[in-house]
N, C-alpha and C. Protein backbone atom coordinates (compact mmCIF):
# COMPACT_ATOMS: atom_id res chain seq x y z
N MET A 1 -26.99 -4.61 23.12
CA MET A 1 -25.91 -4.68 22.18
C MET A 1 -26.15 -5.86 21.25
N GLU A 2 -26.00 -5.63 19.97
CA GLU A 2 -26.24 -6.65 18.96
C GLU A 2 -25.08 -7.65 18.94
N ALA A 3 -25.41 -8.92 18.90
CA ALA A 3 -24.38 -9.95 18.84
C ALA A 3 -23.79 -10.00 17.44
N PRO A 4 -22.51 -10.38 17.31
CA PRO A 4 -21.91 -10.52 15.99
C PRO A 4 -22.69 -11.52 15.15
N ALA A 5 -22.65 -11.30 13.86
CA ALA A 5 -23.37 -12.15 12.92
C ALA A 5 -22.76 -13.54 12.89
N ALA A 6 -23.54 -14.48 12.45
CA ALA A 6 -23.07 -15.85 12.30
C ALA A 6 -22.08 -15.93 11.15
N PRO A 7 -21.20 -16.91 11.16
CA PRO A 7 -20.22 -17.04 10.10
C PRO A 7 -20.89 -17.30 8.76
N HIS A 8 -20.20 -16.92 7.70
CA HIS A 8 -20.69 -17.09 6.35
C HIS A 8 -19.84 -18.14 5.63
N ASN A 9 -20.33 -19.37 5.58
CA ASN A 9 -19.67 -20.48 4.88
C ASN A 9 -18.16 -20.56 5.13
N PRO A 10 -17.72 -20.60 6.39
CA PRO A 10 -16.28 -20.61 6.64
C PRO A 10 -15.58 -21.83 6.08
N ALA A 11 -16.23 -22.98 6.04
CA ALA A 11 -15.58 -24.19 5.54
C ALA A 11 -15.33 -24.10 4.04
N GLU A 12 -16.27 -23.51 3.31
CA GLU A 12 -16.15 -23.42 1.87
C GLU A 12 -15.22 -22.30 1.43
N SER A 13 -15.36 -21.13 2.05
CA SER A 13 -14.66 -19.96 1.53
C SER A 13 -13.42 -19.59 2.32
N GLY A 14 -13.18 -20.18 3.49
CA GLY A 14 -12.06 -19.79 4.31
C GLY A 14 -12.22 -18.41 4.90
N SER A 15 -13.48 -17.96 4.98
CA SER A 15 -13.71 -16.63 5.52
C SER A 15 -14.94 -16.62 6.42
N VAL A 16 -15.03 -15.56 7.20
CA VAL A 16 -16.16 -15.37 8.09
C VAL A 16 -16.57 -13.90 7.99
N GLN A 17 -17.87 -13.66 8.07
CA GLN A 17 -18.37 -12.29 8.08
C GLN A 17 -18.92 -12.00 9.46
N ILE A 18 -18.56 -10.82 9.97
CA ILE A 18 -18.92 -10.44 11.33
C ILE A 18 -19.43 -9.01 11.32
N VAL A 19 -20.44 -8.74 12.13
CA VAL A 19 -20.92 -7.38 12.33
C VAL A 19 -20.51 -6.95 13.73
N VAL A 20 -19.86 -5.79 13.82
CA VAL A 20 -19.42 -5.22 15.09
C VAL A 20 -20.14 -3.90 15.26
N THR A 21 -20.67 -3.66 16.46
CA THR A 21 -21.51 -2.47 16.67
C THR A 21 -20.90 -1.44 17.62
N SER A 22 -19.69 -1.68 18.11
CA SER A 22 -19.08 -0.71 19.02
C SER A 22 -17.56 -0.89 19.03
N PRO A 23 -16.83 0.14 19.45
CA PRO A 23 -15.38 -0.02 19.57
C PRO A 23 -15.00 -1.13 20.56
N GLU A 24 -15.76 -1.31 21.64
CA GLU A 24 -15.44 -2.37 22.60
C GLU A 24 -15.61 -3.74 21.95
N GLN A 25 -16.63 -3.92 21.12
CA GLN A 25 -16.77 -5.20 20.40
C GLN A 25 -15.60 -5.42 19.45
N MET A 26 -15.10 -4.34 18.83
CA MET A 26 -13.96 -4.46 17.92
C MET A 26 -12.72 -4.90 18.71
N ARG A 27 -12.50 -4.32 19.89
CA ARG A 27 -11.37 -4.73 20.72
C ARG A 27 -11.52 -6.18 21.17
N GLU A 28 -12.73 -6.57 21.55
CA GLU A 28 -12.99 -7.95 21.97
C GLU A 28 -12.72 -8.91 20.81
N LEU A 29 -13.09 -8.53 19.60
CA LEU A 29 -12.80 -9.36 18.43
C LEU A 29 -11.29 -9.51 18.28
N GLY A 30 -10.55 -8.43 18.50
CA GLY A 30 -9.09 -8.51 18.45
C GLY A 30 -8.54 -9.47 19.49
N ARG A 31 -9.11 -9.45 20.69
CA ARG A 31 -8.66 -10.37 21.75
C ARG A 31 -8.93 -11.82 21.34
N ARG A 32 -10.10 -12.08 20.73
CA ARG A 32 -10.42 -13.45 20.28
C ARG A 32 -9.49 -13.87 19.13
N LEU A 33 -9.24 -12.95 18.22
CA LEU A 33 -8.37 -13.24 17.09
C LEU A 33 -6.96 -13.56 17.57
N ALA A 34 -6.50 -12.88 18.60
CA ALA A 34 -5.15 -13.12 19.13
C ALA A 34 -4.95 -14.59 19.53
N LYS A 35 -6.01 -15.24 19.97
CA LYS A 35 -5.92 -16.64 20.39
C LYS A 35 -5.60 -17.56 19.21
N LEU A 36 -5.89 -17.12 17.99
CA LEU A 36 -5.62 -17.93 16.80
C LEU A 36 -4.23 -17.67 16.23
N LEU A 37 -3.59 -16.58 16.65
CA LEU A 37 -2.34 -16.16 16.03
C LEU A 37 -1.12 -16.75 16.71
N ARG A 38 -0.05 -16.86 15.93
CA ARG A 38 1.23 -17.34 16.44
C ARG A 38 2.34 -16.62 15.68
N ALA A 39 3.54 -16.76 16.18
CA ALA A 39 4.69 -16.15 15.52
C ALA A 39 4.72 -16.57 14.05
N GLY A 40 5.00 -15.63 13.18
CA GLY A 40 5.04 -15.90 11.75
C GLY A 40 3.77 -15.53 11.03
N ASP A 41 2.74 -15.14 11.76
CA ASP A 41 1.47 -14.78 11.11
C ASP A 41 1.49 -13.34 10.64
N LEU A 42 0.93 -13.14 9.45
CA LEU A 42 0.75 -11.83 8.85
C LEU A 42 -0.75 -11.55 8.80
N VAL A 43 -1.14 -10.40 9.34
CA VAL A 43 -2.54 -9.97 9.31
C VAL A 43 -2.59 -8.66 8.55
N MET A 44 -3.35 -8.63 7.47
CA MET A 44 -3.53 -7.41 6.67
C MET A 44 -4.89 -6.80 6.99
N LEU A 45 -4.89 -5.52 7.36
CA LEU A 45 -6.12 -4.82 7.69
C LEU A 45 -6.42 -3.78 6.63
N SER A 46 -7.65 -3.82 6.10
CA SER A 46 -8.08 -2.84 5.10
C SER A 46 -9.40 -2.24 5.54
N GLY A 47 -9.59 -0.98 5.22
CA GLY A 47 -10.84 -0.30 5.54
C GLY A 47 -10.65 1.20 5.48
N GLU A 48 -11.76 1.89 5.42
CA GLU A 48 -11.72 3.34 5.34
C GLU A 48 -11.05 3.93 6.58
N LEU A 49 -10.67 5.20 6.49
CA LEU A 49 -10.19 5.91 7.67
C LEU A 49 -11.26 5.84 8.74
N GLY A 50 -10.86 5.54 9.96
CA GLY A 50 -11.82 5.47 11.06
C GLY A 50 -12.64 4.20 11.12
N ALA A 51 -12.26 3.20 10.33
CA ALA A 51 -13.04 1.96 10.28
C ALA A 51 -12.84 1.11 11.54
N GLY A 52 -11.71 1.26 12.22
CA GLY A 52 -11.46 0.46 13.42
C GLY A 52 -10.24 -0.43 13.34
N LYS A 53 -9.37 -0.20 12.36
CA LYS A 53 -8.18 -1.04 12.19
C LYS A 53 -7.28 -0.99 13.43
N THR A 54 -7.03 0.21 13.93
CA THR A 54 -6.17 0.34 15.11
C THR A 54 -6.88 -0.18 16.36
N THR A 55 -8.18 0.02 16.45
CA THR A 55 -8.93 -0.51 17.59
C THR A 55 -8.85 -2.03 17.62
N LEU A 56 -8.99 -2.66 16.47
CA LEU A 56 -8.84 -4.12 16.38
C LEU A 56 -7.43 -4.53 16.81
N THR A 57 -6.43 -3.80 16.34
CA THR A 57 -5.05 -4.11 16.68
C THR A 57 -4.79 -3.92 18.18
N ARG A 58 -5.44 -2.93 18.78
CA ARG A 58 -5.32 -2.73 20.23
C ARG A 58 -5.80 -3.98 20.96
N GLY A 59 -6.93 -4.54 20.51
CA GLY A 59 -7.43 -5.79 21.09
C GLY A 59 -6.47 -6.95 20.86
N LEU A 60 -5.86 -7.00 19.68
CA LEU A 60 -4.86 -8.04 19.40
C LEU A 60 -3.71 -7.94 20.40
N GLY A 61 -3.24 -6.71 20.62
CA GLY A 61 -2.15 -6.50 21.57
C GLY A 61 -2.52 -6.96 22.96
N GLU A 62 -3.76 -6.66 23.37
CA GLU A 62 -4.23 -7.11 24.69
C GLU A 62 -4.27 -8.63 24.75
N GLY A 63 -4.79 -9.24 23.69
CA GLY A 63 -4.90 -10.70 23.66
C GLY A 63 -3.54 -11.40 23.59
N LEU A 64 -2.57 -10.77 22.94
CA LEU A 64 -1.23 -11.35 22.84
C LEU A 64 -0.40 -11.05 24.09
N GLY A 65 -0.87 -10.11 24.90
CA GLY A 65 -0.14 -9.77 26.12
C GLY A 65 1.17 -9.05 25.83
N VAL A 66 1.10 -8.00 25.02
CA VAL A 66 2.31 -7.26 24.68
C VAL A 66 2.43 -5.97 25.48
N ARG A 67 3.63 -5.44 25.51
CA ARG A 67 3.92 -4.22 26.24
C ARG A 67 3.63 -2.99 25.39
N GLY A 68 3.18 -1.94 26.03
CA GLY A 68 3.00 -0.66 25.36
C GLY A 68 1.59 -0.48 24.83
N ALA A 69 1.19 0.77 24.81
CA ALA A 69 -0.13 1.11 24.26
C ALA A 69 -0.09 0.98 22.74
N VAL A 70 -1.04 0.25 22.20
CA VAL A 70 -1.12 0.10 20.75
C VAL A 70 -1.87 1.30 20.20
N THR A 71 -1.14 2.13 19.48
CA THR A 71 -1.72 3.31 18.84
C THR A 71 -1.35 3.28 17.37
N SER A 72 -1.97 4.14 16.60
CA SER A 72 -1.70 4.16 15.16
C SER A 72 -0.25 4.56 14.90
N PRO A 73 0.49 3.74 14.14
CA PRO A 73 1.88 4.08 13.85
C PRO A 73 2.02 4.91 12.57
N THR A 74 1.02 5.72 12.23
CA THR A 74 1.00 6.44 10.96
C THR A 74 2.29 7.22 10.70
N PHE A 75 2.79 7.92 11.68
CA PHE A 75 3.94 8.78 11.44
C PHE A 75 5.27 8.08 11.66
N VAL A 76 5.30 7.00 12.41
CA VAL A 76 6.54 6.24 12.60
C VAL A 76 6.57 5.00 11.72
N ILE A 77 5.52 4.73 11.01
CA ILE A 77 5.34 3.62 10.09
C ILE A 77 5.20 2.27 10.81
N ALA A 78 6.07 1.97 11.77
CA ALA A 78 6.01 0.66 12.43
C ALA A 78 6.40 0.78 13.90
N ARG A 79 5.72 -0.02 14.73
CA ARG A 79 6.04 -0.10 16.16
C ARG A 79 6.12 -1.57 16.54
N VAL A 80 7.11 -1.88 17.37
CA VAL A 80 7.24 -3.23 17.92
C VAL A 80 6.76 -3.19 19.36
N HIS A 81 5.87 -4.13 19.69
CA HIS A 81 5.37 -4.28 21.05
C HIS A 81 5.86 -5.64 21.55
N PRO A 82 6.91 -5.65 22.40
CA PRO A 82 7.44 -6.92 22.91
C PRO A 82 6.41 -7.62 23.80
N SER A 83 6.52 -8.93 23.82
CA SER A 83 5.63 -9.73 24.66
C SER A 83 6.00 -9.56 26.13
N LEU A 84 4.98 -9.50 26.98
CA LEU A 84 5.21 -9.46 28.42
C LEU A 84 5.36 -10.87 28.99
N GLY A 85 5.10 -11.87 28.18
CA GLY A 85 5.21 -13.27 28.61
C GLY A 85 6.11 -14.03 27.67
N ASP A 86 5.66 -15.22 27.29
CA ASP A 86 6.46 -16.03 26.38
C ASP A 86 5.86 -16.10 24.98
N GLY A 87 4.91 -15.23 24.68
CA GLY A 87 4.31 -15.18 23.35
C GLY A 87 5.12 -14.33 22.40
N PRO A 88 4.67 -14.26 21.16
CA PRO A 88 5.41 -13.49 20.16
C PRO A 88 5.18 -11.99 20.34
N PRO A 89 6.16 -11.18 19.92
CA PRO A 89 5.94 -9.74 19.90
C PRO A 89 4.94 -9.38 18.79
N LEU A 90 4.37 -8.20 18.90
CA LEU A 90 3.46 -7.67 17.88
C LEU A 90 4.19 -6.57 17.13
N LEU A 91 4.28 -6.69 15.82
CA LEU A 91 4.83 -5.64 14.98
C LEU A 91 3.65 -5.01 14.25
N HIS A 92 3.37 -3.75 14.56
CA HIS A 92 2.21 -3.03 14.03
C HIS A 92 2.71 -2.02 13.00
N VAL A 93 2.30 -2.19 11.75
CA VAL A 93 2.78 -1.37 10.64
C VAL A 93 1.59 -0.62 10.05
N ASP A 94 1.80 0.66 9.73
CA ASP A 94 0.81 1.45 9.02
C ASP A 94 1.42 1.85 7.68
N ALA A 95 0.97 1.21 6.61
CA ALA A 95 1.54 1.44 5.28
C ALA A 95 0.82 2.55 4.53
N TYR A 96 -0.02 3.32 5.20
CA TYR A 96 -0.82 4.36 4.54
C TYR A 96 0.05 5.35 3.76
N ARG A 97 1.16 5.75 4.33
CA ARG A 97 2.02 6.75 3.70
C ARG A 97 3.03 6.14 2.74
N LEU A 98 3.06 4.83 2.63
CA LEU A 98 4.00 4.17 1.73
C LEU A 98 3.33 3.91 0.40
N SER A 99 4.00 4.28 -0.67
CA SER A 99 3.38 4.10 -1.99
C SER A 99 4.19 3.18 -2.88
N GLY A 100 5.36 2.74 -2.43
CA GLY A 100 6.25 1.99 -3.28
C GLY A 100 6.06 0.49 -3.27
N GLY A 101 5.00 0.00 -2.70
CA GLY A 101 4.76 -1.43 -2.69
C GLY A 101 5.79 -2.18 -1.87
N LEU A 102 6.09 -3.40 -2.27
CA LEU A 102 6.97 -4.27 -1.48
C LEU A 102 8.38 -3.69 -1.35
N ASP A 103 8.87 -2.96 -2.37
CA ASP A 103 10.21 -2.38 -2.28
C ASP A 103 10.34 -1.50 -1.06
N GLU A 104 9.37 -0.61 -0.86
CA GLU A 104 9.39 0.27 0.30
C GLU A 104 9.20 -0.53 1.59
N MET A 105 8.36 -1.54 1.55
CA MET A 105 8.14 -2.37 2.72
C MET A 105 9.40 -3.15 3.07
N GLU A 106 10.19 -3.55 2.08
CA GLU A 106 11.42 -4.28 2.34
C GLU A 106 12.40 -3.45 3.17
N ASP A 107 12.35 -2.13 3.04
CA ASP A 107 13.21 -1.26 3.85
C ASP A 107 12.90 -1.41 5.34
N LEU A 108 11.70 -1.88 5.67
CA LEU A 108 11.33 -2.08 7.07
C LEU A 108 11.78 -3.45 7.60
N ASP A 109 12.35 -4.29 6.71
CA ASP A 109 12.82 -5.63 7.09
C ASP A 109 11.72 -6.49 7.70
N LEU A 110 10.51 -6.37 7.17
CA LEU A 110 9.41 -7.18 7.70
C LEU A 110 9.67 -8.66 7.51
N ASP A 111 10.35 -9.01 6.41
CA ASP A 111 10.63 -10.43 6.17
C ASP A 111 11.54 -11.01 7.25
N VAL A 112 12.37 -10.17 7.86
CA VAL A 112 13.24 -10.61 8.95
C VAL A 112 12.44 -10.76 10.24
N SER A 113 11.50 -9.83 10.48
CA SER A 113 10.71 -9.83 11.71
C SER A 113 9.59 -10.86 11.70
N LEU A 114 9.09 -11.20 10.53
CA LEU A 114 7.91 -12.04 10.41
C LEU A 114 8.03 -13.39 11.12
N PRO A 115 9.12 -14.14 10.99
CA PRO A 115 9.15 -15.46 11.63
C PRO A 115 8.99 -15.45 13.15
N GLU A 116 9.43 -14.38 13.82
CA GLU A 116 9.37 -14.34 15.28
C GLU A 116 8.18 -13.56 15.81
N SER A 117 7.48 -12.84 14.96
CA SER A 117 6.45 -11.90 15.40
C SER A 117 5.11 -12.18 14.78
N VAL A 118 4.07 -11.58 15.36
CA VAL A 118 2.80 -11.43 14.68
C VAL A 118 2.88 -10.05 14.03
N VAL A 119 2.77 -10.00 12.71
CA VAL A 119 2.88 -8.75 11.99
C VAL A 119 1.50 -8.32 11.52
N VAL A 120 1.08 -7.12 11.94
CA VAL A 120 -0.20 -6.57 11.53
C VAL A 120 0.09 -5.34 10.68
N VAL A 121 -0.44 -5.33 9.45
CA VAL A 121 -0.19 -4.22 8.54
C VAL A 121 -1.52 -3.57 8.16
N GLU A 122 -1.67 -2.31 8.55
CA GLU A 122 -2.81 -1.52 8.11
C GLU A 122 -2.48 -0.95 6.73
N TRP A 123 -3.46 -0.92 5.87
CA TRP A 123 -3.29 -0.39 4.51
C TRP A 123 -2.25 -1.18 3.73
N GLY A 124 -2.20 -2.50 3.92
CA GLY A 124 -1.15 -3.31 3.30
C GLY A 124 -1.49 -3.90 1.95
N GLU A 125 -2.72 -3.75 1.48
CA GLU A 125 -3.09 -4.35 0.20
C GLU A 125 -2.18 -3.85 -0.92
N GLY A 126 -1.68 -4.80 -1.72
CA GLY A 126 -0.81 -4.45 -2.82
C GLY A 126 0.61 -4.14 -2.39
N LYS A 127 0.90 -4.30 -1.09
CA LYS A 127 2.22 -3.94 -0.59
C LYS A 127 2.93 -5.07 0.14
N VAL A 128 2.19 -5.98 0.77
CA VAL A 128 2.86 -6.99 1.61
C VAL A 128 2.49 -8.43 1.26
N GLU A 129 1.66 -8.64 0.28
CA GLU A 129 1.23 -9.99 -0.03
C GLU A 129 2.39 -10.92 -0.37
N GLU A 130 3.46 -10.37 -0.91
CA GLU A 130 4.60 -11.19 -1.32
C GLU A 130 5.47 -11.63 -0.15
N LEU A 131 5.22 -11.11 1.04
CA LEU A 131 6.01 -11.51 2.21
C LEU A 131 5.82 -12.98 2.55
N THR A 132 4.59 -13.47 2.35
CA THR A 132 4.28 -14.85 2.69
C THR A 132 3.04 -15.29 1.92
N GLU A 133 2.95 -16.58 1.65
CA GLU A 133 1.77 -17.11 0.98
C GLU A 133 0.61 -17.25 1.96
N ASP A 134 0.90 -17.23 3.25
CA ASP A 134 -0.11 -17.40 4.28
C ASP A 134 -0.36 -16.07 4.97
N ARG A 135 -1.62 -15.66 4.99
CA ARG A 135 -1.96 -14.41 5.66
C ARG A 135 -3.44 -14.42 6.01
N LEU A 136 -3.77 -13.54 6.91
CA LEU A 136 -5.16 -13.32 7.29
C LEU A 136 -5.53 -11.94 6.78
N GLN A 137 -6.54 -11.87 5.95
CA GLN A 137 -6.99 -10.58 5.40
C GLN A 137 -8.25 -10.17 6.13
N VAL A 138 -8.23 -8.95 6.68
CA VAL A 138 -9.37 -8.42 7.41
C VAL A 138 -9.82 -7.15 6.70
N VAL A 139 -11.04 -7.18 6.19
CA VAL A 139 -11.60 -6.01 5.50
C VAL A 139 -12.74 -5.48 6.36
N ILE A 140 -12.65 -4.19 6.69
CA ILE A 140 -13.65 -3.56 7.55
C ILE A 140 -14.37 -2.48 6.74
N HIS A 141 -15.70 -2.61 6.69
CA HIS A 141 -16.52 -1.61 6.00
C HIS A 141 -17.34 -0.84 7.04
N ARG A 142 -17.41 0.45 6.86
CA ARG A 142 -18.23 1.30 7.73
C ARG A 142 -18.97 2.30 6.86
N ALA A 143 -20.04 2.87 7.43
CA ALA A 143 -20.76 3.92 6.73
C ALA A 143 -19.83 5.12 6.59
N VAL A 144 -19.83 5.73 5.44
CA VAL A 144 -18.97 6.89 5.21
C VAL A 144 -19.82 8.16 5.16
N GLY A 145 -19.17 9.29 5.28
CA GLY A 145 -19.89 10.56 5.29
C GLY A 145 -20.10 11.05 6.70
N ASP A 146 -21.01 11.98 6.86
CA ASP A 146 -21.28 12.59 8.16
C ASP A 146 -22.20 11.68 8.95
N THR A 147 -21.59 10.76 9.71
CA THR A 147 -22.38 9.80 10.48
C THR A 147 -21.65 9.43 11.76
N THR A 148 -22.41 9.08 12.76
CA THR A 148 -21.82 8.58 14.00
C THR A 148 -22.08 7.07 14.13
N ASP A 149 -22.48 6.45 13.05
CA ASP A 149 -22.78 5.03 13.01
C ASP A 149 -21.54 4.22 13.38
N GLU A 150 -21.65 3.39 14.40
CA GLU A 150 -20.53 2.56 14.87
C GLU A 150 -20.53 1.17 14.25
N VAL A 151 -21.52 0.83 13.44
CA VAL A 151 -21.62 -0.51 12.87
C VAL A 151 -20.52 -0.72 11.83
N ARG A 152 -19.85 -1.86 11.98
CA ARG A 152 -18.79 -2.26 11.04
C ARG A 152 -19.13 -3.65 10.52
N HIS A 153 -19.02 -3.81 9.21
CA HIS A 153 -19.20 -5.11 8.57
C HIS A 153 -17.81 -5.59 8.17
N MET A 154 -17.45 -6.76 8.69
CA MET A 154 -16.10 -7.26 8.50
C MET A 154 -16.11 -8.60 7.78
N THR A 155 -15.10 -8.77 6.95
CA THR A 155 -14.84 -10.06 6.33
C THR A 155 -13.41 -10.45 6.68
N ILE A 156 -13.26 -11.59 7.30
CA ILE A 156 -11.95 -12.10 7.69
C ILE A 156 -11.70 -13.35 6.87
N THR A 157 -10.62 -13.33 6.09
CA THR A 157 -10.33 -14.43 5.16
C THR A 157 -8.93 -14.97 5.41
N GLY A 158 -8.86 -16.27 5.57
CA GLY A 158 -7.56 -16.93 5.69
C GLY A 158 -7.06 -17.31 4.31
N VAL A 159 -5.80 -16.99 4.02
CA VAL A 159 -5.20 -17.29 2.73
C VAL A 159 -3.99 -18.18 2.96
N GLY A 160 -3.91 -19.25 2.23
CA GLY A 160 -2.75 -20.13 2.30
C GLY A 160 -2.95 -21.32 3.20
N GLU A 161 -1.94 -22.19 3.18
CA GLU A 161 -2.00 -23.46 3.91
C GLU A 161 -2.17 -23.26 5.42
N ARG A 162 -1.53 -22.25 5.97
CA ARG A 162 -1.62 -21.98 7.42
C ARG A 162 -3.06 -21.84 7.86
N TRP A 163 -3.89 -21.22 7.04
CA TRP A 163 -5.27 -20.93 7.43
C TRP A 163 -6.29 -21.89 6.83
N ALA A 164 -5.84 -22.87 6.03
CA ALA A 164 -6.75 -23.78 5.33
C ALA A 164 -7.65 -24.54 6.29
N SER A 165 -7.12 -24.95 7.44
CA SER A 165 -7.92 -25.74 8.37
C SER A 165 -8.33 -24.96 9.60
N ALA A 166 -8.03 -23.66 9.63
CA ALA A 166 -8.39 -22.85 10.80
C ALA A 166 -9.90 -22.62 10.85
N ASP A 167 -10.45 -22.68 12.03
CA ASP A 167 -11.88 -22.46 12.21
C ASP A 167 -12.12 -21.00 12.56
N LEU A 168 -12.27 -20.17 11.55
CA LEU A 168 -12.47 -18.74 11.76
C LEU A 168 -13.86 -18.43 12.36
N SER A 169 -14.75 -19.41 12.33
CA SER A 169 -16.11 -19.18 12.87
C SER A 169 -16.07 -18.88 14.37
N VAL A 170 -14.98 -19.27 15.07
CA VAL A 170 -14.88 -18.97 16.50
C VAL A 170 -14.80 -17.48 16.73
N LEU A 171 -14.45 -16.71 15.73
CA LEU A 171 -14.38 -15.26 15.87
C LEU A 171 -15.75 -14.61 15.94
N ALA A 172 -16.76 -15.31 15.45
CA ALA A 172 -18.12 -14.77 15.45
C ALA A 172 -18.87 -15.09 16.74
N ALA A 173 -18.20 -15.76 17.66
CA ALA A 173 -18.86 -16.18 18.92
C ALA A 173 -19.29 -15.01 19.76
C-alpha cells in the first residue's frame, strides 16, 4: 500500500496535498482529521461523484466518536450524529440537491448548529462559505470515466484565523 504523499508547503499555503489509494486510507485520514476538529468547525468537501467524500466523513465520525452509521445524506439533506462521549456532535450535510446557495442553507439552521457541532458539508462550494470566515476546504480528485482506480489526490486547505497556525502536515503521516 502506497503511503500518503508528503505535505506541500503547509506553512506557506495553509494547505497539504495527500494521495489516498484505498477507501480504508480515506477513512483513516478522516480519523486523523477528527483529532484536529472541535465544536464550531466547518469542513467543506468537494469532489466528483464517488470521490470519497462520504467515506472521509465516515472516518471523521469514527474519530469523533459519534453515534449512528455515517451514510450519504443525499435525500434527507442533513443528519446529526450525537457524540457518544463528551465531544461535539457531527452534522453531516449533503448540499448536492440544493441550488439556492446560502438562502437555502439557512433553512437548515446551520448557523445555529455550527457553534456546538462539527459541520461537514458535501457539495458546499458557493453555498456555505458565508457561515463562517474559518473553514477547512477538502478537495478530492479522482480519475473519471470507466475506471476502478482507487487513487485520490486531495488538497486540504485551512481558511481563516482558526486554521492559520494549524499543522495540517500531520494529516499526511
